[in-house]
Amino acid sequence: GMPFEAAEQIVAELANNAALHGHVP
């Protein structure tokens, strides 16, 4: 029951950075 729009965008950015810059095979 929490507002999710801003949090969803933050997760998208941080997760994308983890996949792009934090990736280790």
mmCIF file of all heavy atoms, coordinates in Angstrom:
data_MODEL
# 
_entry.id   MODEL 
# 
loop_
_atom_site.group_PDB 
_atom_site.id 
_atom_site.type_symbol 
_atom_site.label_atom_id 
_atom_site.label_alt_id 
_atom_site.label_comp_id 
_atom_site.label_asym_id 
_atom_site.label_entity_id 
_atom_site.label_seq_id 
_atom_site.pdbx_PDB_ins_code 
_atom_site.Cartn_x 
_atom_site.Cartn_y 
_atom_site.Cartn_z 
_atom_site.occupancy 
_atom_site.B_iso_or_equiv 
_atom_site.pdbx_formal_charge 
_atom_site.auth_seq_id 
_atom_site.auth_comp_id 
_atom_site.auth_asym_id 
_atom_site.auth_atom_id 
_atom_site.pdbx_PDB_model_num 
ATOM 1   N N   . GLY A 1 1  ? 0.797  -1.213  0.000   1.00 0.00 ? 1  GLY A N   1 
ATOM 2   C CA  . GLY A 1 1  ? 0.000  0.000   0.000   1.00 0.00 ? 1  GLY A CA  1 
ATOM 3   C C   . GLY A 1 1  ? 0.834  1.269   0.000   1.00 0.00 ? 1  GLY A C   1 
ATOM 4   O O   . GLY A 1 1  ? 0.386  2.306   0.477   1.00 0.00 ? 1  GLY A O   1 
ATOM 5   N N   . MET A 1 2  ? 2.045  1.192   -0.546  1.00 0.00 ? 2  MET A N   1 
ATOM 6   C CA  . MET A 1 2  ? 2.957  2.333   -0.577  1.00 0.00 ? 2  MET A CA  1 
ATOM 7   C C   . MET A 1 2  ? 2.946  2.972   -1.961  1.00 0.00 ? 2  MET A C   1 
ATOM 8   O O   . MET A 1 2  ? 2.796  2.278   -2.960  1.00 0.00 ? 2  MET A O   1 
ATOM 9   C CB  . MET A 1 2  ? 4.395  1.874   -0.286  1.00 0.00 ? 2  MET A CB  1 
ATOM 10  C CG  . MET A 1 2  ? 4.617  1.311   1.089   1.00 0.00 ? 2  MET A CG  1 
ATOM 11  S SD  . MET A 1 2  ? 4.527  2.546   2.389   1.00 0.00 ? 2  MET A SD  1 
ATOM 12  C CE  . MET A 1 2  ? 5.926  3.564   2.001   1.00 0.00 ? 2  MET A CE  1 
ATOM 13  N N   . PRO A 1 3  ? 3.161  4.294   -2.024  1.00 0.00 ? 3  PRO A N   1 
ATOM 14  C CA  . PRO A 1 3  ? 3.345  4.936   -3.333  1.00 0.00 ? 3  PRO A CA  1 
ATOM 15  C C   . PRO A 1 3  ? 4.566  4.303   -3.995  1.00 0.00 ? 3  PRO A C   1 
ATOM 16  O O   . PRO A 1 3  ? 5.566  4.043   -3.323  1.00 0.00 ? 3  PRO A O   1 
ATOM 17  C CB  . PRO A 1 3  ? 3.613  6.401   -2.993  1.00 0.00 ? 3  PRO A CB  1 
ATOM 18  C CG  . PRO A 1 3  ? 3.228  6.573   -1.576  1.00 0.00 ? 3  PRO A CG  1 
ATOM 19  C CD  . PRO A 1 3  ? 3.270  5.228   -0.926  1.00 0.00 ? 3  PRO A CD  1 
ATOM 20  N N   . PHE A 1 4  ? 4.492  4.031   -5.266  1.00 0.00 ? 4  PHE A N   1 
ATOM 21  C CA  . PHE A 1 4  ? 5.564  3.256   -5.884  1.00 0.00 ? 4  PHE A CA  1 
ATOM 22  C C   . PHE A 1 4  ? 6.216  3.902   -7.092  1.00 0.00 ? 4  PHE A C   1 
ATOM 23  O O   . PHE A 1 4  ? 7.259  3.447   -7.537  1.00 0.00 ? 4  PHE A O   1 
ATOM 24  C CB  . PHE A 1 4  ? 5.035  1.878   -6.296  1.00 0.00 ? 4  PHE A CB  1 
ATOM 25  C CG  . PHE A 1 4  ? 3.909  1.943   -7.280  1.00 0.00 ? 4  PHE A CG  1 
ATOM 26  C CD1 . PHE A 1 4  ? 4.138  1.982   -8.631  1.00 0.00 ? 4  PHE A CD1 1 
ATOM 27  C CD2 . PHE A 1 4  ? 2.595  1.985   -6.829  1.00 0.00 ? 4  PHE A CD2 1 
ATOM 28  C CE1 . PHE A 1 4  ? 3.083  2.063   -9.525  1.00 0.00 ? 4  PHE A CE1 1 
ATOM 29  C CE2 . PHE A 1 4  ? 1.540  2.052   -7.713  1.00 0.00 ? 4  PHE A CE2 1 
ATOM 30  C CZ  . PHE A 1 4  ? 1.784  2.099   -9.076  1.00 0.00 ? 4  PHE A CZ  1 
ATOM 31  N N   . GLU A 1 5  ? 5.663  4.965   -7.654  1.00 0.00 ? 5  GLU A N   1 
ATOM 32  C CA  . GLU A 1 5  ? 6.188  5.496   -8.903  1.00 0.00 ? 5  GLU A CA  1 
ATOM 33  C C   . GLU A 1 5  ? 7.638  5.968   -8.781  1.00 0.00 ? 5  GLU A C   1 
ATOM 34  O O   . GLU A 1 5  ? 8.493  5.575   -9.574  1.00 0.00 ? 5  GLU A O   1 
ATOM 35  C CB  . GLU A 1 5  ? 5.307  6.631   -9.436  1.00 0.00 ? 5  GLU A CB  1 
ATOM 36  C CG  . GLU A 1 5  ? 3.940  6.189   -9.886  1.00 0.00 ? 5  GLU A CG  1 
ATOM 37  C CD  . GLU A 1 5  ? 2.915  6.114   -8.745  1.00 0.00 ? 5  GLU A CD  1 
ATOM 38  O OE1 . GLU A 1 5  ? 3.246  6.444   -7.581  1.00 0.00 ? 5  GLU A OE1 1 
ATOM 39  O OE2 . GLU A 1 5  ? 1.782  5.709   -9.025  1.00 0.00 ? 5  GLU A OE2 1 
ATOM 40  N N   . ALA A 1 6  ? 7.938  6.812   -7.798  1.00 0.00 ? 6  ALA A N   1 
ATOM 41  C CA  . ALA A 1 6  ? 9.306  7.305   -7.627  1.00 0.00 ? 6  ALA A CA  1 
ATOM 42  C C   . ALA A 1 6  ? 10.243 6.158   -7.262  1.00 0.00 ? 6  ALA A C   1 
ATOM 43  O O   . ALA A 1 6  ? 11.352 6.055   -7.801  1.00 0.00 ? 6  ALA A O   1 
ATOM 44  C CB  . ALA A 1 6  ? 9.362  8.393   -6.563  1.00 0.00 ? 6  ALA A CB  1 
ATOM 45  N N   . ALA A 1 7  ? 9.804  5.280   -6.377  1.00 0.00 ? 7  ALA A N   1 
ATOM 46  C CA  . ALA A 1 7  ? 10.636 4.149   -5.956  1.00 0.00 ? 7  ALA A CA  1 
ATOM 47  C C   . ALA A 1 7  ? 10.939 3.230   -7.130  1.00 0.00 ? 7  ALA A C   1 
ATOM 48  O O   . ALA A 1 7  ? 12.062 2.748   -7.270  1.00 0.00 ? 7  ALA A O   1 
ATOM 49  C CB  . ALA A 1 7  ? 9.949  3.369   -4.841  1.00 0.00 ? 7  ALA A CB  1 
ATOM 50  N N   . GLU A 1 8  ? 9.951  2.999   -7.977  1.00 0.00 ? 8  GLU A N   1 
ATOM 51  C CA  . GLU A 1 8  ? 10.156 2.156   -9.157  1.00 0.00 ? 8  GLU A CA  1 
ATOM 52  C C   . GLU A 1 8  ? 11.238 2.746   -10.062 1.00 0.00 ? 8  GLU A C   1 
ATOM 53  O O   . GLU A 1 8  ? 12.081 2.021   -10.580 1.00 0.00 ? 8  GLU A O   1 
ATOM 54  C CB  . GLU A 1 8  ? 8.836  2.057   -9.928  1.00 0.00 ? 8  GLU A CB  1 
ATOM 55  C CG  . GLU A 1 8  ? 8.453  0.677   -10.317 1.00 0.00 ? 8  GLU A CG  1 
ATOM 56  C CD  . GLU A 1 8  ? 7.116  0.643   -11.047 1.00 0.00 ? 8  GLU A CD  1 
ATOM 57  O OE1 . GLU A 1 8  ? 6.642  1.665   -11.560 1.00 0.00 ? 8  GLU A OE1 1 
ATOM 58  O OE2 . GLU A 1 8  ? 6.571  -0.455  -11.101 1.00 0.00 ? 8  GLU A OE2 1 
ATOM 59  N N   . GLN A 1 9  ? 11.220 4.063   -10.238 1.00 0.00 ? 9  GLN A N   1 
ATOM 60  C CA  . GLN A 1 9  ? 12.224 4.713   -11.087 1.00 0.00 ? 9  GLN A CA  1 
ATOM 61  C C   . GLN A 1 9  ? 13.609 4.628   -10.456 1.00 0.00 ? 9  GLN A C   1 
ATOM 62  O O   . GLN A 1 9  ? 14.590 4.385   -11.142 1.00 0.00 ? 9  GLN A O   1 
ATOM 63  C CB  . GLN A 1 9  ? 11.847 6.176   -11.334 1.00 0.00 ? 9  GLN A CB  1 
ATOM 64  C CG  . GLN A 1 9  ? 12.741 6.876   -12.321 1.00 0.00 ? 9  GLN A CG  1 
ATOM 65  C CD  . GLN A 1 9  ? 12.683 6.267   -13.696 1.00 0.00 ? 9  GLN A CD  1 
ATOM 66  O OE1 . GLN A 1 9  ? 11.614 5.987   -14.225 1.00 0.00 ? 9  GLN A OE1 1 
ATOM 67  N NE2 . GLN A 1 9  ? 13.834 6.033   -14.291 1.00 0.00 ? 9  GLN A NE2 1 
ATOM 68  N N   . ILE A 1 10 ? 13.687 4.803   -9.137  1.00 0.00 ? 10 ILE A N   1 
ATOM 69  C CA  . ILE A 1 10 ? 14.970 4.682   -8.443  1.00 0.00 ? 10 ILE A CA  1 
ATOM 70  C C   . ILE A 1 10 ? 15.511 3.268   -8.595  1.00 0.00 ? 10 ILE A C   1 
ATOM 71  O O   . ILE A 1 10 ? 16.688 3.067   -8.904  1.00 0.00 ? 10 ILE A O   1 
ATOM 72  C CB  . ILE A 1 10 ? 14.828 5.075   -6.961  1.00 0.00 ? 10 ILE A CB  1 
ATOM 73  C CG1 . ILE A 1 10 ? 14.562 6.573   -6.844  1.00 0.00 ? 10 ILE A CG1 1 
ATOM 74  C CG2 . ILE A 1 10 ? 16.068 4.673   -6.164  1.00 0.00 ? 10 ILE A CG2 1 
ATOM 75  C CD1 . ILE A 1 10 ? 14.146 7.020   -5.457  1.00 0.00 ? 10 ILE A CD1 1 
ATOM 76  N N   . VAL A 1 11 ? 14.651 2.268   -8.381  1.00 0.00 ? 11 VAL A N   1 
ATOM 77  C CA  . VAL A 1 11 ? 15.082 0.873   -8.544  1.00 0.00 ? 11 VAL A CA  1 
ATOM 78  C C   . VAL A 1 11 ? 15.573 0.637   -9.965  1.00 0.00 ? 11 VAL A C   1 
ATOM 79  O O   . VAL A 1 11 ? 16.607 0.007   -10.175 1.00 0.00 ? 11 VAL A O   1 
ATOM 80  C CB  . VAL A 1 11 ? 13.943 -0.112  -8.180  1.00 0.00 ? 11 VAL A CB  1 
ATOM 81  C CG1 . VAL A 1 11 ? 14.289 -1.536  -8.606  1.00 0.00 ? 11 VAL A CG1 1 
ATOM 82  C CG2 . VAL A 1 11 ? 13.659 -0.060  -6.685  1.00 0.00 ? 11 VAL A CG2 1 
ATOM 83  N N   . ALA A 1 12 ? 14.845 1.158   -10.948 1.00 0.00 ? 12 ALA A N   1 
ATOM 84  C CA  . ALA A 1 12 ? 15.248 0.982   -12.347 1.00 0.00 ? 12 ALA A CA  1 
ATOM 85  C C   . ALA A 1 12 ? 16.651 1.530   -12.581 1.00 0.00 ? 12 ALA A C   1 
ATOM 86  O O   . ALA A 1 12 ? 17.491 0.868   -13.224 1.00 0.00 ? 12 ALA A O   1 
ATOM 87  C CB  . ALA A 1 12 ? 14.246 1.659   -13.274 1.00 0.00 ? 12 ALA A CB  1 
ATOM 88  N N   . GLU A 1 13 ? 16.932 2.719   -12.063 1.00 0.00 ? 13 GLU A N   1 
ATOM 89  C CA  . GLU A 1 13 ? 18.246 3.335   -12.272 1.00 0.00 ? 13 GLU A CA  1 
ATOM 90  C C   . GLU A 1 13 ? 19.351 2.578   -11.539 1.00 0.00 ? 13 GLU A C   1 
ATOM 91  O O   . GLU A 1 13 ? 20.405 2.300   -12.115 1.00 0.00 ? 13 GLU A O   1 
ATOM 92  C CB  . GLU A 1 13 ? 18.224 4.801   -11.834 1.00 0.00 ? 13 GLU A CB  1 
ATOM 93  C CG  . GLU A 1 13 ? 17.297 5.678   -12.635 1.00 0.00 ? 13 GLU A CG  1 
ATOM 94  C CD  . GLU A 1 13 ? 17.606 5.723   -14.125 1.00 0.00 ? 13 GLU A CD  1 
ATOM 95  O OE1 . GLU A 1 13 ? 18.776 5.478   -14.528 1.00 0.00 ? 13 GLU A OE1 1 
ATOM 96  O OE2 . GLU A 1 13 ? 16.682 5.998   -14.897 1.00 0.00 ? 13 GLU A OE2 1 
ATOM 97  N N   . LEU A 1 14 ? 19.120 2.238   -10.274 1.00 0.00 ? 14 LEU A N   1 
ATOM 98  C CA  . LEU A 1 14 ? 20.157 1.540   -9.512  1.00 0.00 ? 14 LEU A CA  1 
ATOM 99  C C   . LEU A 1 14 ? 20.397 0.125   -10.041 1.00 0.00 ? 14 LEU A C   1 
ATOM 100 O O   . LEU A 1 14 ? 21.541 -0.330  -10.110 1.00 0.00 ? 14 LEU A O   1 
ATOM 101 C CB  . LEU A 1 14 ? 19.795 1.511   -8.024  1.00 0.00 ? 14 LEU A CB  1 
ATOM 102 C CG  . LEU A 1 14 ? 19.727 2.867   -7.318  1.00 0.00 ? 14 LEU A CG  1 
ATOM 103 C CD1 . LEU A 1 14 ? 19.418 2.675   -5.838  1.00 0.00 ? 14 LEU A CD1 1 
ATOM 104 C CD2 . LEU A 1 14 ? 20.996 3.669   -7.520  1.00 0.00 ? 14 LEU A CD2 1 
ATOM 105 N N   . ALA A 1 15 ? 19.329 -0.566  -10.416 1.00 0.00 ? 15 ALA A N   1 
ATOM 106 C CA  . ALA A 1 15 ? 19.482 -1.921  -10.960 1.00 0.00 ? 15 ALA A CA  1 
ATOM 107 C C   . ALA A 1 15 ? 20.171 -1.884  -12.316 1.00 0.00 ? 15 ALA A C   1 
ATOM 108 O O   . ALA A 1 15 ? 21.014 -2.742  -12.618 1.00 0.00 ? 15 ALA A O   1 
ATOM 109 C CB  . ALA A 1 15 ? 18.119 -2.598  -11.061 1.00 0.00 ? 15 ALA A CB  1 
ATOM 110 N N   . ASN A 1 16 ? 19.842 -0.898  -13.138 1.00 0.00 ? 16 ASN A N   1 
ATOM 111 C CA  . ASN A 1 16 ? 20.510 -0.768  -14.431 1.00 0.00 ? 16 ASN A CA  1 
ATOM 112 C C   . ASN A 1 16 ? 22.003 -0.502  -14.236 1.00 0.00 ? 16 ASN A C   1 
ATOM 113 O O   . ASN A 1 16 ? 22.837 -1.074  -14.941 1.00 0.00 ? 16 ASN A O   1 
ATOM 114 C CB  . ASN A 1 16 ? 19.862 0.348   -15.253 1.00 0.00 ? 16 ASN A CB  1 
ATOM 115 C CG  . ASN A 1 16 ? 20.410 0.388   -16.648 1.00 0.00 ? 16 ASN A CG  1 
ATOM 116 O OD1 . ASN A 1 16 ? 20.392 -0.615  -17.356 1.00 0.00 ? 16 ASN A OD1 1 
ATOM 117 N ND2 . ASN A 1 16 ? 20.910 1.539   -17.058 1.00 0.00 ? 16 ASN A ND2 1 
ATOM 118 N N   . ASN A 1 17 ? 22.341 0.358   -13.264 1.00 0.00 ? 17 ASN A N   1 
ATOM 119 C CA  . ASN A 1 17 ? 23.753 0.605   -12.983 1.00 0.00 ? 17 ASN A CA  1 
ATOM 120 C C   . ASN A 1 17 ? 24.452 -0.662  -12.501 1.00 0.00 ? 17 ASN A C   1 
ATOM 121 O O   . ASN A 1 17 ? 25.601 -0.912  -12.861 1.00 0.00 ? 17 ASN A O   1 
ATOM 122 C CB  . ASN A 1 17 ? 23.910 1.711   -11.939 1.00 0.00 ? 17 ASN A CB  1 
ATOM 123 C CG  . ASN A 1 17 ? 23.666 3.084   -12.523 1.00 0.00 ? 17 ASN A CG  1 
ATOM 124 O OD1 . ASN A 1 17 ? 23.556 3.258   -13.729 1.00 0.00 ? 17 ASN A OD1 1 
ATOM 125 N ND2 . ASN A 1 17 ? 23.565 4.066   -11.653 1.00 0.00 ? 17 ASN A ND2 1 
ATOM 126 N N   . ALA A 1 18 ? 23.766 -1.463  -11.682 1.00 0.00 ? 18 ALA A N   1 
ATOM 127 C CA  . ALA A 1 18 ? 24.362 -2.715  -11.211 1.00 0.00 ? 18 ALA A CA  1 
ATOM 128 C C   . ALA A 1 18 ? 24.624 -3.661  -12.379 1.00 0.00 ? 18 ALA A C   1 
ATOM 129 O O   . ALA A 1 18 ? 25.657 -4.326  -12.425 1.00 0.00 ? 18 ALA A O   1 
ATOM 130 C CB  . ALA A 1 18 ? 23.450 -3.387  -10.188 1.00 0.00 ? 18 ALA A CB  1 
ATOM 131 N N   . ALA A 1 19 ? 23.695 -3.723  -13.321 1.00 0.00 ? 19 ALA A N   1 
ATOM 132 C CA  . ALA A 1 19 ? 23.869 -4.597  -14.482 1.00 0.00 ? 19 ALA A CA  1 
ATOM 133 C C   . ALA A 1 19 ? 24.938 -4.064  -15.433 1.00 0.00 ? 19 ALA A C   1 
ATOM 134 O O   . ALA A 1 19 ? 25.690 -4.845  -16.024 1.00 0.00 ? 19 ALA A O   1 
ATOM 135 C CB  . ALA A 1 19 ? 22.538 -4.757  -15.215 1.00 0.00 ? 19 ALA A CB  1 
ATOM 136 N N   . LEU A 1 20 ? 25.012 -2.757  -15.569 1.00 0.00 ? 20 LEU A N   1 
ATOM 137 C CA  . LEU A 1 20 ? 25.947 -2.152  -16.520 1.00 0.00 ? 20 LEU A CA  1 
ATOM 138 C C   . LEU A 1 20 ? 27.343 -1.981  -15.934 1.00 0.00 ? 20 LEU A C   1 
ATOM 139 O O   . LEU A 1 20 ? 28.334 -2.372  -16.544 1.00 0.00 ? 20 LEU A O   1 
ATOM 140 C CB  . LEU A 1 20 ? 25.395 -0.792  -16.961 1.00 0.00 ? 20 LEU A CB  1 
ATOM 141 C CG  . LEU A 1 20 ? 26.149 -0.060  -18.053 1.00 0.00 ? 20 LEU A CG  1 
ATOM 142 C CD1 . LEU A 1 20 ? 26.111 -0.871  -19.345 1.00 0.00 ? 20 LEU A CD1 1 
ATOM 143 C CD2 . LEU A 1 20 ? 25.515 1.300   -18.282 1.00 0.00 ? 20 LEU A CD2 1 
ATOM 144 N N   . HIS A 1 21 ? 27.451 -1.414  -14.743 1.00 0.00 ? 21 HIS A N   1 
ATOM 145 C CA  . HIS A 1 21 ? 28.747 -1.082  -14.158 1.00 0.00 ? 21 HIS A CA  1 
ATOM 146 C C   . HIS A 1 21 ? 29.202 -2.048  -13.077 1.00 0.00 ? 21 HIS A C   1 
ATOM 147 O O   . HIS A 1 21 ? 30.380 -2.078  -12.747 1.00 0.00 ? 21 HIS A O   1 
ATOM 148 C CB  . HIS A 1 21 ? 28.711 0.328   -13.561 1.00 0.00 ? 21 HIS A CB  1 
ATOM 149 C CG  . HIS A 1 21 ? 28.297 1.375   -14.529 1.00 0.00 ? 21 HIS A CG  1 
ATOM 150 N ND1 . HIS A 1 21 ? 29.042 1.718   -15.626 1.00 0.00 ? 21 HIS A ND1 1 
ATOM 151 C CD2 . HIS A 1 21 ? 27.181 2.156   -14.571 1.00 0.00 ? 21 HIS A CD2 1 
ATOM 152 C CE1 . HIS A 1 21 ? 28.425 2.668   -16.309 1.00 0.00 ? 21 HIS A CE1 1 
ATOM 153 N NE2 . HIS A 1 21 ? 27.280 2.946   -15.690 1.00 0.00 ? 21 HIS A NE2 1 
ATOM 154 N N   . GLY A 1 22 ? 28.276 -2.813  -12.495 1.00 0.00 ? 22 GLY A N   1 
ATOM 155 C CA  . GLY A 1 22 ? 28.617 -3.716  -11.408 1.00 0.00 ? 22 GLY A CA  1 
ATOM 156 C C   . GLY A 1 22 ? 28.635 -5.177  -11.818 1.00 0.00 ? 22 GLY A C   1 
ATOM 157 O O   . GLY A 1 22 ? 28.745 -6.057  -10.958 1.00 0.00 ? 22 GLY A O   1 
ATOM 158 N N   . HIS A 1 23 ? 28.536 -5.427  -13.111 1.00 0.00 ? 23 HIS A N   1 
ATOM 159 C CA  . HIS A 1 23 ? 28.449 -6.805  -13.617 1.00 0.00 ? 23 HIS A CA  1 
ATOM 160 C C   . HIS A 1 23 ? 29.774 -7.545  -13.481 1.00 0.00 ? 23 HIS A C   1 
ATOM 161 O O   . HIS A 1 23 ? 30.827 -7.034  -13.854 1.00 0.00 ? 23 HIS A O   1 
ATOM 162 C CB  . HIS A 1 23 ? 28.025 -6.784  -15.086 1.00 0.00 ? 23 HIS A CB  1 
ATOM 163 C CG  . HIS A 1 23 ? 28.019 -8.131  -15.720 1.00 0.00 ? 23 HIS A CG  1 
ATOM 164 N ND1 . HIS A 1 23 ? 27.025 -9.046  -15.464 1.00 0.00 ? 23 HIS A ND1 1 
ATOM 165 C CD2 . HIS A 1 23 ? 28.884 -8.730  -16.562 1.00 0.00 ? 23 HIS A CD2 1 
ATOM 166 C CE1 . HIS A 1 23 ? 27.283 -10.151 -16.152 1.00 0.00 ? 23 HIS A CE1 1 
ATOM 167 N NE2 . HIS A 1 23 ? 28.400 -9.979  -16.813 1.00 0.00 ? 23 HIS A NE2 1 
ATOM 168 N N   . VAL A 1 24 ? 29.707 -8.721  -12.927 1.00 0.00 ? 24 VAL A N   1 
ATOM 169 C CA  . VAL A 1 24 ? 30.809 -9.677  -12.887 1.00 0.00 ? 24 VAL A CA  1 
ATOM 170 C C   . VAL A 1 24 ? 30.216 -10.983 -13.389 1.00 0.00 ? 24 VAL A C   1 
ATOM 171 O O   . VAL A 1 24 ? 29.184 -11.426 -12.870 1.00 0.00 ? 24 VAL A O   1 
ATOM 172 C CB  . VAL A 1 24 ? 31.361 -9.854  -11.453 1.00 0.00 ? 24 VAL A CB  1 
ATOM 173 C CG1 . VAL A 1 24 ? 32.370 -10.991 -11.396 1.00 0.00 ? 24 VAL A CG1 1 
ATOM 174 C CG2 . VAL A 1 24 ? 31.967 -8.568  -10.943 1.00 0.00 ? 24 VAL A CG2 1 
ATOM 175 N N   . PRO A 1 25 ? 30.822 -11.606 -14.417 1.00 0.00 ? 25 PRO A N   1 
ATOM 176 C CA  . PRO A 1 25 ? 30.247 -12.850 -14.942 1.00 0.00 ? 25 PRO A CA  1 
ATOM 177 C C   . PRO A 1 25 ? 29.998 -13.874 -13.832 1.00 0.00 ? 25 PRO A C   1 
ATOM 178 O O   . PRO A 1 25 ? 30.835 -14.107 -12.969 1.00 0.00 ? 25 PRO A O   1 
ATOM 179 C CB  . PRO A 1 25 ? 31.312 -13.348 -15.922 1.00 0.00 ? 25 PRO A CB  1 
ATOM 180 C CG  . PRO A 1 25 ? 32.025 -12.094 -16.347 1.00 0.00 ? 25 PRO A CG  1 
ATOM 181 C CD  . PRO A 1 25 ? 32.039 -11.214 -15.128 1.00 0.00 ? 25 PRO A CD  1 
# 
